[in-house]
């Protein structure tokens, strides 16, 4: 990690390695929270590329199909699976309603020649 020294001689990672508030458990929890966040992000993607749509489908199924992997990831992240599903459902619902509103607005304000 010595490659990350600034001109002032301060090592970028010193704060993270010596800060007693950031312990290994919190680091692991942060990692698993990021896995959940990525699944939610993938599930609300509006990208139309085929491979992105496949990832979107897989992420949505992972979030809502009651599988053991999801439950374990939630446990590692420090969350209850039902809580995560409820939050994900509300985020997806909000995104879909915004997309529907945008589509409706576009349709109402477009002119046909």
Protein backbone atom coordinates (compact mmCIF):
# COMPACT_ATOMS: atom_id res chain seq x y z
CA UNK A 1 0.00 0.00 0.00
CA UNK A 2 2.99 2.25 0.00
CA UNK A 3 2.18 3.14 -3.62
CA UNK A 4 -0.53 5.48 -2.37
CA UNK A 5 1.59 8.14 -0.68
CA UNK A 6 0.92 11.73 -1.52
CA UNK A 7 3.62 14.38 -1.96
CA UNK A 8 3.02 15.44 1.62
CA UNK A 9 4.09 11.94 2.76
CA UNK A 10 0.60 11.03 3.98
CA UNK A 11 -0.41 7.48 3.17
CA UNK A 12 -3.96 7.37 1.78
CA UNK A 13 -4.81 4.13 3.60
CA UNK A 14 -3.49 5.12 7.04
CA UNK A 15 -6.88 6.50 8.10
CA UNK A 16 -8.70 3.31 7.15
CA UNK A 17 -6.17 0.97 8.72
CA UNK A 18 -5.92 2.72 12.08
CA UNK A 19 -9.42 4.10 12.62
CA UNK A 20 -10.95 1.94 15.38
CA UNK A 21 -14.48 2.88 14.30
CA UNK A 22 -14.09 1.16 10.94
CA UNK A 23 -13.65 -2.47 11.87
CA UNK A 24 -13.70 -5.60 9.79
CA UNK A 25 -17.37 -6.34 10.47
CA UNK A 26 -18.44 -2.95 9.17
CA UNK A 27 -16.26 -3.37 6.11
CA UNK A 28 -17.90 -6.70 5.31
CA UNK A 29 -21.35 -5.25 5.94
CA UNK A 30 -20.56 -2.41 3.56
CA UNK A 31 -19.55 -4.92 0.91
CA UNK A 32 -22.82 -6.88 1.24
CA UNK A 33 -24.87 -3.68 1.32
CA UNK A 34 -23.21 -2.77 -1.98
CA UNK A 35 -24.30 -6.14 -3.43
CA UNK A 36 -27.92 -5.35 -2.49
CA UNK A 37 -27.65 -1.82 -3.85
CA UNK A 38 -26.28 -3.14 -7.14
CA UNK A 39 -29.20 -5.55 -7.47
CA UNK A 40 -31.71 -2.73 -6.89
CA UNK A 41 -29.82 -0.50 -9.33
CA UNK A 42 -29.80 -3.24 -11.95
CA UNK A 43 -33.50 -3.91 -11.43
CA UNK A 44 -34.45 -0.29 -12.22
CA UNK A 45 -32.15 0.10 -15.20
CA UNK A 46 -33.83 1.61 -18.25
CA UNK A 47 -31.02 0.54 -20.58
CA UNK A 48 -32.48 -1.42 -23.50
CA UNK A 49 -29.39 -3.46 -24.41
CA UNK A 50 -30.16 -7.18 -24.32
CA UNK A 51 -27.42 -8.09 -21.84
CA UNK A 52 -28.50 -5.28 -19.49
CA UNK A 53 -32.11 -6.44 -19.70
CA UNK A 54 -30.94 -9.95 -18.79
CA UNK A 55 -29.08 -8.60 -15.75
CA UNK A 56 -32.16 -6.59 -14.83
CA UNK A 57 -34.31 -9.73 -14.93
CA UNK A 58 -31.80 -11.73 -12.87
CA UNK A 59 -31.49 -8.95 -10.28
CA UNK A 60 -35.26 -8.59 -9.94
CA UNK A 61 -35.68 -12.35 -9.56
CA UNK A 62 -32.90 -12.43 -6.95
CA UNK A 63 -34.61 -9.70 -4.96
CA UNK A 64 -38.11 -11.17 -5.00
CA UNK A 65 -37.97 -14.94 -5.56
CA UNK A 66 -37.32 -15.90 -1.90
CA UNK A 67 -34.01 -17.67 -2.27
CA UNK A 68 -31.48 -18.61 0.38
CA UNK A 69 -28.64 -16.61 -1.23
CA UNK A 70 -30.64 -13.39 -0.88
CA UNK A 71 -31.41 -14.14 2.77
CA UNK A 72 -27.74 -14.80 3.51
CA UNK A 73 -26.60 -11.58 1.79
CA UNK A 74 -29.18 -9.61 3.79
CA UNK A 75 -27.97 -11.23 7.00
CA UNK A 76 -24.36 -10.38 6.15
CA UNK A 77 -25.41 -6.79 5.40
CA UNK A 78 -27.21 -6.55 8.75
CA UNK A 79 -30.71 -6.30 7.23
CA UNK A 80 -33.85 -8.39 7.45
CA UNK A 81 -34.80 -9.79 4.01
CA UNK A 82 -38.40 -8.56 4.32
CA UNK A 83 -37.15 -5.03 5.00
CA UNK A 84 -34.90 -5.10 1.92
CA UNK A 85 -37.68 -6.47 -0.28
CA UNK A 86 -40.11 -3.80 0.92
CA UNK A 87 -37.58 -1.04 0.27
CA UNK A 88 -36.66 -2.46 -3.14
CA UNK A 89 -40.32 -2.79 -4.07
CA UNK A 90 -41.00 0.87 -3.21
CA UNK A 91 -37.92 2.06 -5.13
CA UNK A 92 -38.90 0.04 -8.20
CA UNK A 93 -42.51 1.22 -7.97
CA UNK A 94 -41.38 4.85 -7.75
CA UNK A 95 -39.06 4.42 -10.75
CA UNK A 96 -41.81 2.79 -12.81
CA UNK A 97 -44.28 5.54 -11.97
CA UNK A 98 -41.74 8.20 -13.00
CA UNK A 99 -41.13 6.36 -16.27
CA UNK A 100 -44.87 6.06 -16.87
CA UNK A 101 -45.39 9.75 -16.08
CA UNK A 102 -42.56 10.71 -18.44
CA UNK A 103 -44.03 8.55 -21.18
CA UNK A 104 -47.50 10.00 -20.60
CA UNK A 105 -46.11 13.57 -20.58
CA UNK A 106 -44.21 12.90 -23.80
CA UNK A 107 -47.32 11.47 -25.47
CA UNK A 108 -49.50 14.42 -24.41
CA UNK A 109 -46.98 17.01 -25.61
CA UNK A 110 -45.91 15.45 -28.88
CA UNK A 111 -47.36 16.75 -32.09
CA UNK A 112 -48.37 14.63 -35.00
CA UNK A 113 -47.69 16.07 -38.43
